[in-house]
Amino acid sequence: MATIKNPTKKKKPTKKANPYLSSETLGDLIAERAARDVEFAVAYRRADARRALANAIRVARQKRSITQAALARAVGTRQPNIARLEAGRGEPGLAQLSRIATALHLVLDIRFIAPTRATAR
């Protein structure tokens, strides 16, 4: 019995490697760039810390089913400021972080830790 091929079935395009990139993943690309460029490494670590803080605030607020507006009122600011923080576009001071922690019934814990091998560059 002969197999009938579906003429409308499209072939999957083959993934070609980018000849300009030696990395396979975004993480590899970032690590390579950080190894070559100290300013990039510092800027990336700072942005990564800001994203981690933004995510921690958002997750804590959502776990407690608190809206951005309610958190803003408890902190003494406006909702767009909380949205900006949660988007990683703000750099809150220690006093504001303390008020956010208090409003979320959390303890603010700030530490200095040694960088991991990947982030030490």
PDB file of N, CA and C in Angstrom:
ATOM      1  N   MET A   1       0.845  -1.169   0.000  1.00  0.00           N
ATOM      2  CA  MET A   1       0.000   0.000   0.000  1.00  0.00           C
ATOM      3  C   MET A   1       0.895   1.238   0.000  1.00  0.00           C
ATOM      4  N   ALA A   2       0.640   2.143  -0.894  1.00  0.00           N
ATOM      5  CA  ALA A   2       1.459   3.348  -1.040  1.00  0.00           C
ATOM      6  C   ALA A   2       1.000   4.405  -0.044  1.00  0.00           C
ATOM      7  N   THR A   3       1.971   5.166   0.468  1.00  0.00           N
ATOM      8  CA  THR A   3       1.671   6.248   1.388  1.00  0.00           C
ATOM      9  C   THR A   3       1.418   7.521   0.593  1.00  0.00           C
ATOM     10  N   ILE A   4       0.334   8.175   0.916  1.00  0.00           N
ATOM     11  CA  ILE A   4      -0.014   9.412   0.224  1.00  0.00           C
ATOM     12  C   ILE A   4       0.489  10.575   1.076  1.00  0.00           C
ATOM     13  N   LYS A   5       1.285  11.429   0.448  1.00  0.00           N
ATOM     14  CA  LYS A   5       1.821  12.583   1.163  1.00  0.00           C
ATOM     15  C   LYS A   5       0.827  13.731   1.100  1.00  0.00           C
ATOM     16  N   ASN A   6       0.729  14.437   2.179  1.00  0.00           N
ATOM     17  CA  ASN A   6      -0.157  15.587   2.266  1.00  0.00           C
ATOM     18  C   ASN A   6       0.548  16.789   1.634  1.00  0.00           C
ATOM     19  N   PRO A   7       0.068  17.286   0.502  1.00  0.00           N
ATOM     20  CA  PRO A   7       0.746  18.399  -0.172  1.00  0.00           C
ATOM     21  C   PRO A   7       0.623  19.718   0.591  1.00  0.00           C
ATOM     22  N   THR A   8      -0.321  19.817   1.511  1.00  0.00           N
ATOM     23  CA  THR A   8      -0.497  21.074   2.250  1.00  0.00           C
ATOM     24  C   THR A   8       0.371  21.119   3.504  1.00  0.00           C
ATOM     25  N   LYS A   9       0.938  19.995   3.878  1.00  0.00           N
ATOM     26  CA  LYS A   9       1.774  19.948   5.075  1.00  0.00           C
ATOM     27  C   LYS A   9       3.104  20.635   4.786  1.00  0.00           C
ATOM     28  N   LYS A  10       3.419  21.639   5.610  1.00  0.00           N
ATOM     29  CA  LYS A  10       4.643  22.394   5.413  1.00  0.00           C
ATOM     30  C   LYS A  10       5.779  21.764   6.201  1.00  0.00           C
ATOM     31  N   LYS A  11       6.951  21.834   5.645  1.00  0.00           N
ATOM     32  CA  LYS A  11       8.132  21.336   6.333  1.00  0.00           C
ATOM     33  C   LYS A  11       8.542  22.343   7.394  1.00  0.00           C
ATOM     34  N   LYS A  12       9.041  21.822   8.513  1.00  0.00           N
ATOM     35  CA  LYS A  12       9.545  22.696   9.561  1.00  0.00           C
ATOM     36  C   LYS A  12      10.867  23.289   9.093  1.00  0.00           C
ATOM     37  N   PRO A  13      11.016  24.586   9.276  1.00  0.00           N
ATOM     38  CA  PRO A  13      12.290  25.188   8.860  1.00  0.00           C
ATOM     39  C   PRO A  13      13.414  24.690   9.760  1.00  0.00           C
ATOM     40  N   THR A  14      14.554  24.466   9.172  1.00  0.00           N
ATOM     41  CA  THR A  14      15.703  24.025   9.966  1.00  0.00           C
ATOM     42  C   THR A  14      16.304  25.234  10.651  1.00  0.00           C
ATOM     43  N   LYS A  15      16.738  25.034  11.877  1.00  0.00           N
ATOM     44  CA  LYS A  15      17.299  26.122  12.660  1.00  0.00           C
ATOM     45  C   LYS A  15      18.778  26.243  12.322  1.00  0.00           C
ATOM     46  N   LYS A  16      19.153  27.378  11.766  1.00  0.00           N
ATOM     47  CA  LYS A  16      20.542  27.610  11.397  1.00  0.00           C
ATOM     48  C   LYS A  16      21.219  28.389  12.513  1.00  0.00           C
ATOM     49  N   ALA A  17      22.436  28.015  12.811  1.00  0.00           N
ATOM     50  CA  ALA A  17      23.204  28.712  13.836  1.00  0.00           C
ATOM     51  C   ALA A  17      23.617  30.082  13.319  1.00  0.00           C
ATOM     52  N   ASN A  18      23.569  31.057  14.185  1.00  0.00           N
ATOM     53  CA  ASN A  18      24.001  32.394  13.833  1.00  0.00           C
ATOM     54  C   ASN A  18      25.526  32.403  13.814  1.00  0.00           C
ATOM     55  N   PRO A  19      26.139  32.703  12.682  1.00  0.00           N
ATOM     56  CA  PRO A  19      27.600  32.647  12.606  1.00  0.00           C
ATOM     57  C   PRO A  19      28.287  33.725  13.438  1.00  0.00           C
ATOM     58  N   TYR A  20      27.538  34.742  13.865  1.00  0.00           N
ATOM     59  CA  TYR A  20      28.114  35.828  14.641  1.00  0.00           C
ATOM     60  C   TYR A  20      28.066  35.576  16.143  1.00  0.00           C
ATOM     61  N   LEU A  21      27.332  34.553  16.558  1.00  0.00           N
ATOM     62  CA  LEU A  21      27.206  34.238  17.976  1.00  0.00           C
ATOM     63  C   LEU A  21      27.794  32.865  18.255  1.00  0.00           C
ATOM     64  N   SER A  22      28.622  32.785  19.277  1.00  0.00           N
ATOM     65  CA  SER A  22      29.162  31.488  19.642  1.00  0.00           C
ATOM     66  C   SER A  22      28.335  30.856  20.761  1.00  0.00           C
ATOM     67  N   SER A  23      27.332  31.574  21.240  1.00  0.00           N
ATOM     68  CA  SER A  23      26.514  31.107  22.355  1.00  0.00           C
ATOM     69  C   SER A  23      25.276  30.378  21.867  1.00  0.00           C
ATOM     70  N   GLU A  24      24.825  29.455  22.672  1.00  0.00           N
ATOM     71  CA  GLU A  24      23.602  28.722  22.369  1.00  0.00           C
ATOM     72  C   GLU A  24      22.390  29.339  23.052  1.00  0.00           C
ATOM     73  N   THR A  25      22.580  29.929  24.218  1.00  0.00           N
ATOM     74  CA  THR A  25      21.457  30.491  24.956  1.00  0.00           C
ATOM     75  C   THR A  25      21.734  31.953  25.307  1.00  0.00           C
ATOM     76  N   LEU A  26      20.712  32.650  25.702  1.00  0.00           N
ATOM     77  CA  LEU A  26      20.866  34.033  26.120  1.00  0.00           C
ATOM     78  C   LEU A  26      21.806  34.120  27.321  1.00  0.00           C
ATOM     79  N   GLY A  27      21.669  33.174  28.247  1.00  0.00           N
ATOM     80  CA  GLY A  27      22.548  33.156  29.420  1.00  0.00           C
ATOM     81  C   GLY A  27      24.013  33.022  29.030  1.00  0.00           C
ATOM     82  N   ASP A  28      24.281  32.174  28.034  1.00  0.00           N
ATOM     83  CA  ASP A  28      25.654  32.019  27.545  1.00  0.00           C
ATOM     84  C   ASP A  28      26.154  33.323  26.930  1.00  0.00           C
ATOM     85  N   LEU A  29      25.292  33.961  26.156  1.00  0.00           N
ATOM     86  CA  LEU A  29      25.660  35.214  25.505  1.00  0.00           C
ATOM     87  C   LEU A  29      25.975  36.289  26.541  1.00  0.00           C
ATOM     88  N   ILE A  30      25.155  36.385  27.581  1.00  0.00           N
ATOM     89  CA  ILE A  30      25.373  37.369  28.633  1.00  0.00           C
ATOM     90  C   ILE A  30      26.681  37.077  29.363  1.00  0.00           C
ATOM     91  N   ALA A  31      26.928  35.808  29.670  1.00  0.00           N
ATOM     92  CA  ALA A  31      28.157  35.433  30.365  1.00  0.00           C
ATOM     93  C   ALA A  31      29.391  35.770  29.526  1.00  0.00           C
ATOM     94  N   GLU A  32      29.325  35.501  28.226  1.00  0.00           N
ATOM     95  CA  GLU A  32      30.452  35.827  27.342  1.00  0.00           C
ATOM     96  C   GLU A  32      30.702  37.326  27.299  1.00  0.00           C
ATOM     97  N   ARG A  33      29.633  38.088  27.167  1.00  0.00           N
ATOM     98  CA  ARG A  33      29.774  39.544  27.105  1.00  0.00           C
ATOM     99  C   ARG A  33      30.303  40.089  28.424  1.00  0.00           C
ATOM    100  N   ALA A  34      29.806  39.554  29.544  1.00  0.00           N
ATOM    101  CA  ALA A  34      30.255  40.002  30.863  1.00  0.00           C
ATOM    102  C   ALA A  34      31.733  39.688  31.078  1.00  0.00           C
ATOM    103  N   ALA A  35      32.188  38.567  30.530  1.00  0.00           N
ATOM    104  CA  ALA A  35      33.597  38.200  30.662  1.00  0.00           C
ATOM    105  C   ALA A  35      34.501  39.169  29.893  1.00  0.00           C
ATOM    106  N   ARG A  36      33.993  39.732  28.803  1.00  0.00           N
ATOM    107  CA  ARG A  36      34.779  40.655  27.976  1.00  0.00           C
ATOM    108  C   ARG A  36      34.667  42.098  28.422  1.00  0.00           C
ATOM    109  N   ASP A  37      33.542  42.465  29.043  1.00  0.00           N
ATOM    110  CA  ASP A  37      33.240  43.873  29.303  1.00  0.00           C
ATOM    111  C   ASP A  37      32.811  44.065  30.754  1.00  0.00           C
ATOM    112  N   VAL A  38      33.708  44.628  31.551  1.00  0.00           N
ATOM    113  CA  VAL A  38      33.441  44.809  32.981  1.00  0.00           C
ATOM    114  C   VAL A  38      32.261  45.751  33.212  1.00  0.00           C
ATOM    115  N   GLU A  39      32.166  46.824  32.432  1.00  0.00           N
ATOM    116  CA  GLU A  39      31.053  47.765  32.603  1.00  0.00           C
ATOM    117  C   GLU A  39      29.719  47.074  32.330  1.00  0.00           C
ATOM    118  N   PHE A  40      29.675  46.223  31.316  1.00  0.00           N
ATOM    119  CA  PHE A  40      28.458  45.472  31.017  1.00  0.00           C
ATOM    120  C   PHE A  40      28.114  44.554  32.185  1.00  0.00           C
ATOM    121  N   ALA A  41      29.125  43.881  32.728  1.00  0.00           N
ATOM    122  CA  ALA A  41      28.893  42.950  33.839  1.00  0.00           C
ATOM    123  C   ALA A  41      28.298  43.674  35.040  1.00  0.00           C
ATOM    124  N   VAL A  42      28.835  44.832  35.361  1.00  0.00           N
ATOM    125  CA  VAL A  42      28.329  45.612  36.503  1.00  0.00           C
ATOM    126  C   VAL A  42      26.901  46.078  36.236  1.00  0.00           C
ATOM    127  N   ALA A  43      26.666  46.596  35.032  1.00  0.00           N
ATOM    128  CA  ALA A  43      25.322  47.072  34.689  1.00  0.00           C
ATOM    129  C   ALA A  43      24.315  45.932  34.681  1.00  0.00           C
ATOM    130  N   TYR A  44      24.729  44.769  34.188  1.00  0.00           N
ATOM    131  CA  TYR A  44      23.817  43.628  34.145  1.00  0.00           C
ATOM    132  C   TYR A  44      23.478  43.152  35.557  1.00  0.00           C
ATOM    133  N   ARG A  45      24.481  43.070  36.430  1.00  0.00           N
ATOM    134  CA  ARG A  45      24.216  42.641  37.818  1.00  0.00           C
ATOM    135  C   ARG A  45      23.269  43.608  38.504  1.00  0.00           C
ATOM    136  N   ARG A  46      23.461  44.899  38.252  1.00  0.00           N
ATOM    137  CA  ARG A  46      22.581  45.901  38.877  1.00  0.00           C
ATOM    138  C   ARG A  46      21.151  45.754  38.366  1.00  0.00           C
ATOM    139  N   ALA A  47      20.998  45.584  37.059  1.00  0.00           N
ATOM    140  CA  ALA A  47      19.661  45.412  36.477  1.00  0.00           C
ATOM    141  C   ALA A  47      19.036  44.111  36.953  1.00  0.00           C
ATOM    142  N   ASP A  48      19.843  43.062  37.083  1.00  0.00           N
ATOM    143  CA  ASP A  48      19.336  41.778  37.544  1.00  0.00           C
ATOM    144  C   ASP A  48      18.850  41.879  38.991  1.00  0.00           C
ATOM    145  N   ALA A  49      19.584  42.600  39.824  1.00  0.00           N
ATOM    146  CA  ALA A  49      19.166  42.803  41.216  1.00  0.00           C
ATOM    147  C   ALA A  49      17.869  43.594  41.271  1.00  0.00           C
ATOM    148  N   ARG A  50      17.738  44.595  40.397  1.00  0.00           N
ATOM    149  CA  ARG A  50      16.508  45.399  40.354  1.00  0.00           C
ATOM    150  C   ARG A  50      15.319  44.535  39.930  1.00  0.00           C
ATOM    151  N   ARG A  51      15.535  43.652  38.931  1.00  0.00           N
ATOM    152  CA  ARG A  51      14.462  42.746  38.493  1.00  0.00           C
ATOM    153  C   ARG A  51      14.077  41.773  39.611  1.00  0.00           C
ATOM    154  N   ALA A  52      15.059  41.266  40.335  1.00  0.00           N
ATOM    155  CA  ALA A  52      14.768  40.329  41.424  1.00  0.00           C
ATOM    156  C   ALA A  52      13.970  41.016  42.527  1.00  0.00           C
ATOM    157  N   LEU A  53      14.337  42.247  42.869  1.00  0.00           N
ATOM    158  CA  LEU A  53      13.603  43.001  43.888  1.00  0.00           C
ATOM    159  C   LEU A  53      12.181  43.281  43.419  1.00  0.00           C
ATOM    160  N   ALA A  54      12.037  43.690  42.168  1.00  0.00           N
ATOM    161  CA  ALA A  54      10.715  43.972  41.607  1.00  0.00           C
ATOM    162  C   ALA A  54       9.833  42.731  41.674  1.00  0.00           C
ATOM    163  N   ASN A  55      10.399  41.598  41.304  1.00  0.00           N
ATOM    164  CA  ASN A  55       9.645  40.348  41.329  1.00  0.00           C
ATOM    165  C   ASN A  55       9.264  39.969  42.760  1.00  0.00           C
ATOM    166  N   ALA A  56      10.175  40.151  43.700  1.00  0.00           N
ATOM    167  CA  ALA A  56       9.882  39.817  45.108  1.00  0.00           C
ATOM    168  C   ALA A  56       8.733  40.658  45.647  1.00  0.00           C
ATOM    169  N   ILE A  57       8.725  41.940  45.310  1.00  0.00           N
ATOM    170  CA  ILE A  57       7.634  42.822  45.763  1.00  0.00           C
ATOM    171  C   ILE A  57       6.311  42.371  45.149  1.00  0.00           C
ATOM    172  N   ARG A  58       6.315  42.130  43.847  1.00  0.00           N
ATOM    173  CA  ARG A  58       5.087  41.725  43.147  1.00  0.00           C
ATOM    174  C   ARG A  58       4.549  40.402  43.689  1.00  0.00           C
ATOM    175  N   VAL A  59       5.425  39.420  43.852  1.00  0.00           N
ATOM    176  CA  VAL A  59       4.997  38.100  44.341  1.00  0.00           C
ATOM    177  C   VAL A  59       4.433  38.206  45.759  1.00  0.00           C
ATOM    178  N   ALA A  60       5.121  38.953  46.623  1.00  0.00           N
ATOM    179  CA  ALA A  60       4.639  39.108  48.009  1.00  0.00           C
ATOM    180  C   ALA A  60       3.278  39.787  48.040  1.00  0.00           C
ATOM    181  N   ARG A  61       3.106  40.809  47.214  1.00  0.00           N
ATOM    182  CA  ARG A  61       1.816  41.519  47.166  1.00  0.00           C
ATOM    183  C   ARG A  61       0.715  40.596  46.662  1.00  0.00           C
ATOM    184  N   GLN A  62       0.998  39.850  45.597  1.00  0.00           N
ATOM    185  CA  GLN A  62      -0.016  38.960  45.024  1.00  0.00           C
ATOM    186  C   GLN A  62      -0.361  37.808  45.967  1.00  0.00           C
ATOM    187  N   LYS A  63       0.612  37.289  46.704  1.00  0.00           N
ATOM    188  CA  LYS A  63       0.333  36.205  47.667  1.00  0.00           C
ATOM    189  C   LYS A  63      -0.650  36.656  48.731  1.00  0.00           C
ATOM    190  N   ARG A  64      -0.624  37.935  49.039  1.00  0.00           N
ATOM    191  CA  ARG A  64      -1.515  38.471  50.064  1.00  0.00           C
ATOM    192  C   ARG A  64      -2.793  39.054  49.468  1.00  0.00           C
ATOM    193  N   SER A  65      -2.962  38.888  48.163  1.00  0.00           N
ATOM    194  CA  SER A  65      -4.153  39.382  47.452  1.00  0.00           C
ATOM    195  C   SER A  65      -4.381  40.868  47.683  1.00  0.00           C
ATOM    196  N   ILE A  66      -3.300  41.641  47.632  1.00  0.00           N
ATOM    197  CA  ILE A  66      -3.377  43.087  47.813  1.00  0.00           C
ATOM    198  C   ILE A  66      -3.183  43.738  46.446  1.00  0.00           C
ATOM    199  N   THR A  67      -3.993  44.716  46.138  1.00  0.00           N
ATOM    200  CA  THR A  67      -3.833  45.427  44.865  1.00  0.00           C
ATOM    201  C   THR A  67      -2.675  46.416  44.985  1.00  0.00           C
ATOM    202  N   GLN A  68      -2.197  46.860  43.835  1.00  0.00           N
ATOM    203  CA  GLN A  68      -1.149  47.886  43.838  1.00  0.00           C
ATOM    204  C   GLN A  68      -1.648  49.160  44.516  1.00  0.00           C
ATOM    205  N   ALA A  69      -2.906  49.492  44.282  1.00  0.00           N
ATOM    206  CA  ALA A  69      -3.473  50.709  44.882  1.00  0.00           C
ATOM    207  C   ALA A  69      -3.527  50.595  46.402  1.00  0.00           C
ATOM    208  N   ALA A  70      -3.924  49.426  46.898  1.00  0.00           N
ATOM    209  CA  ALA A  70      -3.993  49.243  48.358  1.00  0.00           C
ATOM    210  C   ALA A  70      -2.594  49.283  48.977  1.00  0.00           C
ATOM    211  N   LEU A  71      -1.634  48.667  48.304  1.00  0.00           N
ATOM    212  CA  LEU A  71      -0.256  48.704  48.809  1.00  0.00           C
ATOM    213  C   LEU A  71       0.258  50.140  48.792  1.00  0.00           C
ATOM    214  N   ALA A  72      -0.036  50.862  47.745  1.00  0.00           N
ATOM    215  CA  ALA A  72       0.402  52.258  47.651  1.00  0.00           C
ATOM    216  C   ALA A  72      -0.153  53.088  48.804  1.00  0.00           C
ATOM    217  N   ARG A  73      -1.440  52.903  49.097  1.00  0.00           N
ATOM    218  CA  ARG A  73      -2.046  53.645  50.223  1.00  0.00           C
ATOM    219  C   ARG A  73      -1.352  53.297  51.531  1.00  0.00           C
ATOM    220  N   ALA A  74      -1.072  52.007  51.749  1.00  0.00           N
ATOM    221  CA  ALA A  74      -0.433  51.580  52.996  1.00  0.00           C
ATOM    222  C   ALA A  74       0.997  52.104  53.111  1.00  0.00           C
ATOM    223  N   VAL A  75       1.649  52.275  51.983  1.00  0.00           N
ATOM    224  CA  VAL A  75       3.038  52.734  51.963  1.00  0.00           C
ATOM    225  C   VAL A  75       3.125  54.258  51.987  1.00  0.00           C
ATOM    226  N   GLY A  76       2.040  54.917  51.558  1.00  0.00           N
ATOM    227  CA  GLY A  76       2.035  56.372  51.517  1.00  0.00           C
ATOM    228  C   GLY A  76       2.540  56.922  50.191  1.00  0.00           C
ATOM    229  N   THR A  77       2.230  56.213  49.130  1.00  0.00           N
ATOM    230  CA  THR A  77       2.629  56.653  47.793  1.00  0.00           C
ATOM    231  C   THR A  77       1.445  56.458  46.851  1.00  0.00           C
ATOM    232  N   ARG A  78       1.685  56.558  45.556  1.00  0.00           N
ATOM    233  CA  ARG A  78       0.612  56.375  44.571  1.00  0.00           C
ATOM    234  C   ARG A  78       0.791  55.063  43.830  1.00  0.00           C
ATOM    235  N   GLN A  79      -0.291  54.539  43.278  1.00  0.00           N
ATOM    236  CA  GLN A  79      -0.266  53.249  42.575  1.00  0.00           C
ATOM    237  C   GLN A  79       0.747  53.211  41.428  1.00  0.00           C
ATOM    238  N   PRO A  80       0.891  54.275  40.615  1.00  0.00           N
ATOM    239  CA  PRO A  80       1.878  54.206  39.534  1.00  0.00           C
ATOM    240  C   PRO A  80       3.311  53.987  40.043  1.00  0.00           C
ATOM    241  N   ASN A  81       3.591  54.476  41.247  1.00  0.00           N
ATOM    242  CA  ASN A  81       4.924  54.253  41.824  1.00  0.00           C
ATOM    243  C   ASN A  81       5.146  52.778  42.153  1.00  0.00           C
ATOM    244  N   ILE A  82       4.114  52.114  42.662  1.00  0.00           N
ATOM    245  CA  ILE A  82       4.217  50.671  42.948  1.00  0.00           C
ATOM    246  C   ILE A  82       4.353  49.912  41.631  1.00  0.00           C
ATOM    247  N   ALA A  83       3.583  50.294  40.624  1.00  0.00           N
ATOM    248  CA  ALA A  83       3.671  49.635  39.313  1.00  0.00           C
ATOM    249  C   ALA A  83       5.074  49.789  38.735  1.00  0.00           C
ATOM    250  N   ARG A  84       5.645  50.961  38.879  1.00  0.00           N
ATOM    251  CA  ARG A  84       6.998  51.216  38.379  1.00  0.00           C
ATOM    252  C   ARG A  84       8.016  50.333  39.106  1.00  0.00           C
ATOM    253  N   LEU A  85       7.867  50.211  40.424  1.00  0.00           N
ATOM    254  CA  LEU A  85       8.771  49.347  41.195  1.00  0.00           C
ATOM    255  C   LEU A  85       8.645  47.893  40.757  1.00  0.00           C
ATOM    256  N   GLU A  86       7.406  47.435  40.584  1.00  0.00           N
ATOM    257  CA  GLU A  86       7.172  46.045  40.196  1.00  0.00           C
ATOM    258  C   GLU A  86       7.632  45.758  38.769  1.00  0.00           C
ATOM    259  N   ALA A  87       7.761  46.787  37.967  1.00  0.00           N
ATOM    260  CA  ALA A  87       8.248  46.613  36.600  1.00  0.00           C
ATOM    261  C   ALA A  87       9.776  46.681  36.544  1.00  0.00           C
ATOM    262  N   GLY A  88      10.401  46.963  37.682  1.00  0.00           N
ATOM    263  CA  GLY A  88      11.857  47.023  37.726  1.00  0.00           C
ATOM    264  C   GLY A  88      12.416  48.339  37.229  1.00  0.00           C
ATOM    265  N   ARG A  89      11.576  49.359  37.152  1.00  0.00           N
ATOM    266  CA  ARG A  89      12.028  50.652  36.639  1.00  0.00           C
ATOM    267  C   ARG A  89      12.314  51.661  37.737  1.00  0.00           C
ATOM    268  N   GLY A  90      12.215  51.249  38.969  1.00  0.00           N
ATOM    269  CA  GLY A  90      12.495  52.168  40.063  1.00  0.00           C
ATOM    270  C   GLY A  90      13.572  51.609  40.971  1.00  0.00           C
ATOM    271  N   GLU A  91      14.198  52.508  41.703  1.00  0.00           N
ATOM    272  CA  GLU A  91      15.187  52.098  42.691  1.00  0.00           C
ATOM    273  C   GLU A  91      14.752  52.650  44.040  1.00  0.00           C
ATOM    274  N   PRO A  92      13.964  51.865  44.771  1.00  0.00           N
ATOM    275  CA  PRO A  92      13.447  52.351  46.046  1.00  0.00           C
ATOM    276  C   PRO A  92      14.560  52.487  47.085  1.00  0.00           C
ATOM    277  N   GLY A  93      14.398  53.471  47.942  1.00  0.00           N
ATOM    278  CA  GLY A  93      15.342  53.648  49.039  1.00  0.00           C
ATOM    279  C   GLY A  93      15.014  52.699  50.185  1.00  0.00           C
ATOM    280  N   LEU A  94      15.899  52.679  51.152  1.00  0.00           N
ATOM    281  CA  LEU A  94      15.728  51.792  52.302  1.00  0.00           C
ATOM    282  C   LEU A  94      14.438  52.100  53.065  1.00  0.00           C
ATOM    283  N   ALA A  95      14.107  53.374  53.225  1.00  0.00           N
ATOM    284  CA  ALA A  95      12.885  53.751  53.947  1.00  0.00           C
ATOM    285  C   ALA A  95      11.647  53.225  53.216  1.00  0.00           C
ATOM    286  N   GLN A  96      11.621  53.361  51.883  1.00  0.00           N
ATOM    287  CA  GLN A  96      10.460  52.880  51.131  1.00  0.00           C
ATOM    288  C   GLN A  96      10.374  51.357  51.183  1.00  0.00           C
ATOM    289  N   LEU A  97      11.504  50.676  51.078  1.00  0.00           N
ATOM    290  CA  LEU A  97      11.485  49.213  51.185  1.00  0.00           C
ATOM    291  C   LEU A  97      10.978  48.775  52.549  1.00  0.00           C
ATOM    292  N   SER A  98      11.363  49.497  53.578  1.00  0.00           N
ATOM    293  CA  SER A  98      10.898  49.181  54.935  1.00  0.00           C
ATOM    294  C   SER A  98       9.387  49.360  55.048  1.00  0.00           C
ATOM    295  N   ARG A  99       8.856  50.439  54.460  1.00  0.00           N
ATOM    296  CA  ARG A  99       7.405  50.663  54.492  1.00  0.00           C
ATOM    297  C   ARG A  99       6.665  49.588  53.698  1.00  0.00           C
ATOM    298  N   ILE A 100       7.234  49.170  52.561  1.00  0.00           N
ATOM    299  CA  ILE A 100       6.613  48.104  51.759  1.00  0.00           C
ATOM    300  C   ILE A 100       6.590  46.807  52.550  1.00  0.00           C
ATOM    301  N   ALA A 101       7.706  46.474  53.189  1.00  0.00           N
ATOM    302  CA  ALA A 101       7.771  45.247  53.991  1.00  0.00           C
ATOM    303  C   ALA A 101       6.742  45.281  55.113  1.00  0.00           C
ATOM    304  N   THR A 102       6.645  46.400  55.793  1.00  0.00           N
ATOM    305  CA  THR A 102       5.678  46.535  56.882  1.00  0.00           C
ATOM    306  C   THR A 102       4.250  46.378  56.359  1.00  0.00           C
ATOM    307  N   ALA A 103       3.954  47.008  55.231  1.00  0.00           N
ATOM    308  CA  ALA A 103       2.608  46.927  54.648  1.00  0.00           C
ATOM    309  C   ALA A 103       2.261  45.504  54.227  1.00  0.00           C
ATOM    310  N   LEU A 104       3.271  44.729  53.846  1.00  0.00           N
ATOM    311  CA  LEU A 104       3.044  43.346  53.424  1.00  0.00           C
ATOM    312  C   LEU A 104       3.216  42.352  54.572  1.00  0.00           C
ATOM    313  N   HIS A 105       3.396  42.879  55.786  1.00  0.00           N
ATOM    314  CA  HIS A 105       3.594  42.054  56.986  1.00  0.00           C
ATOM    315  C   HIS A 105       4.800  41.131  56.819  1.00  0.00           C
ATOM    316  N   LEU A 106       5.889  41.727  56.332  1.00  0.00           N
ATOM    317  CA  LEU A 106       7.141  41.008  56.127  1.00  0.00           C
ATOM    318  C   LEU A 106       8.260  41.715  56.873  1.00  0.00           C
ATOM    319  N   VAL A 107       9.371  41.033  57.023  1.00  0.00           N
ATOM    320  CA  VAL A 107      10.573  41.619  57.613  1.00  0.00           C
ATOM    321  C   VAL A 107      11.549  41.896  56.481  1.00  0.00           C
ATOM    322  N   LEU A 108      12.072  43.096  56.436  1.00  0.00           N
ATOM    323  CA  LEU A 108      13.057  43.453  55.429  1.00  0.00           C
ATOM    324  C   LEU A 108      14.406  42.896  55.869  1.00  0.00           C
ATOM    325  N   ASP A 109      15.018  42.091  55.026  1.00  0.00           N
ATOM    326  CA  ASP A 109      16.297  41.442  55.340  1.00  0.00           C
ATOM    327  C   ASP A 109      17.286  41.799  54.231  1.00  0.00           C
ATOM    328  N   ILE A 110      18.241  42.653  54.559  1.00  0.00           N
ATOM    329  CA  ILE A 110      19.240  43.072  53.576  1.00  0.00           C
ATOM    330  C   ILE A 110      20.560  42.426  53.955  1.00  0.00           C
ATOM    331  N   ARG A 111      21.212  41.813  52.968  1.00  0.00           N
ATOM    332  CA  ARG A 111      22.465  41.107  53.232  1.00  0.00           C
ATOM    333  C   ARG A 111      23.528  41.479  52.215  1.00  0.00           C
ATOM    334  N   PHE A 112      24.757  41.317  52.626  1.00  0.00           N
ATOM    335  CA  PHE A 112      25.883  41.382  51.714  1.00  0.00           C
ATOM    336  C   PHE A 112      26.394  39.953  51.586  1.00  0.00           C
ATOM    337  N   ILE A 113      26.407  39.452  50.365  1.00  0.00           N
ATOM    338  CA  ILE A 113      26.864  38.084  50.159  1.00  0.00           C
ATOM    339  C   ILE A 113      27.945  38.070  49.079  1.00  0.00           C
ATOM    340  N   ALA A 114      28.777  37.070  49.165  1.00  0.00           N
ATOM    341  CA  ALA A 114      29.826  36.922  48.153  1.00  0.00           C
ATOM    342  C   ALA A 114      29.184  36.536  46.833  1.00  0.00           C
ATOM    343  N   PRO A 115      29.669  37.106  45.738  1.00  0.00           N
ATOM    344  CA  PRO A 115      29.092  36.750  44.448  1.00  0.00           C
ATOM    345  C   PRO A 115      29.404  35.304  44.072  1.00  0.00           C
ATOM    346  N   THR A 116      28.501  34.732  43.296  1.00  0.00           N
ATOM    347  CA  THR A 116      28.768  33.388  42.792  1.00  0.00           C
ATOM    348  C   THR A 116      29.798  33.503  41.684  1.00  0.00           C
ATOM    349  N   ARG A 117      30.342  32.407  41.295  1.00  0.00           N
ATOM    350  CA  ARG A 117      31.391  32.416  40.277  1.00  0.00           C
ATOM    351  C   ARG A 117      30.926  33.077  38.985  1.00  0.00           C
ATOM    352  N   ALA A 118      29.683  32.806  38.603  1.00  0.00           N
ATOM    353  CA  ALA A 118      29.143  33.354  37.356  1.00  0.00           C
ATOM    354  C   ALA A 118      28.954  34.867  37.432  1.00  0.00           C
ATOM    355  N   THR A 119      28.634  35.401  38.614  1.00  0.00           N
ATOM    356  CA  THR A 119      28.373  36.832  38.729  1.00  0.00           C
ATOM    357  C   THR A 119      29.602  37.612  39.189  1.00  0.00           C
ATOM    358  N   ALA A 120      30.688  36.926  39.505  1.00  0.00           N
ATOM    359  CA  ALA A 120      31.877  37.601  40.015  1.00  0.00           C
ATOM    360  C   ALA A 120      32.622  38.358  38.933  1.00  0.00           C
ATOM    361  N   ARG A 121      32.360  38.068  37.710  1.00  0.00           N
ATOM    362  CA  ARG A 121      33.098  38.699  36.603  1.00  0.00           C
ATOM    363  C   ARG A 121      32.831  40.155  36.488  1.00  0.00           C
TER     364      ARG A 121
END
